[in-house]
């Protein structure tokens, strides 16, 4: 086997296209995951089984079924009910929904970790419940769980290649297409593997720096 640098050069424009799509999925999926996860966590604290039971069933179902199955369902089954999204939108929704069931647990742990005295102080000040949540509880809870949320961003990054199954050309999708067209597999797949390692490593460094800043 001989390494062909010209193949790397030819692949790089496709790599940058795939990287852009991967980052789009990661950013948008993270926003969906963080926002929806917080909604799930707050709904699970509603003092009514008519709310907590359906939310618990939905989140457990999503968390315990493979992401790939969810991708296929959203992309291939929903159109039969006249509900159609683009492949990229479907991927973002699927990955965001899937990981929201994990970030929900992170938020719950953060909320439950807020000292009882903070709740009592808000009550003593006669703060409205909405003000208690937005000004007292959530800022402290989110600060505590930010590093854990960041870990799920890295996990989402590693799951983006699954979107290739529904025709999304992220990094691995571009590498596979280039390889099949040019019969050169080693160079593009190696570039993709190195890219994932570098991005994950840089993200982990950023998380450590953020964690140190939050602690101090």
Foldseek 3Di string as FASTA:
>chain_A
DDDDVVLLVVLVVLLVVQAVLLVVLLVLLLVLLQVLLQVLLVQCPPPDCVRNVVSVVVLVVLQPDDLLVQLCCLDPVVVVVVDHDDLSVSSSVSSSSSNSSVVNVLLNVLQVPPDPVLVVVCVVVVPPPVCSVPPGRVVRSCLVRVLVSLVVSLVSSVCVVSSVVSVDRHQVNSLVVSCVVPVDNVSSVVVVVVVNVVVSVVSVVVSVVSNVVSVD
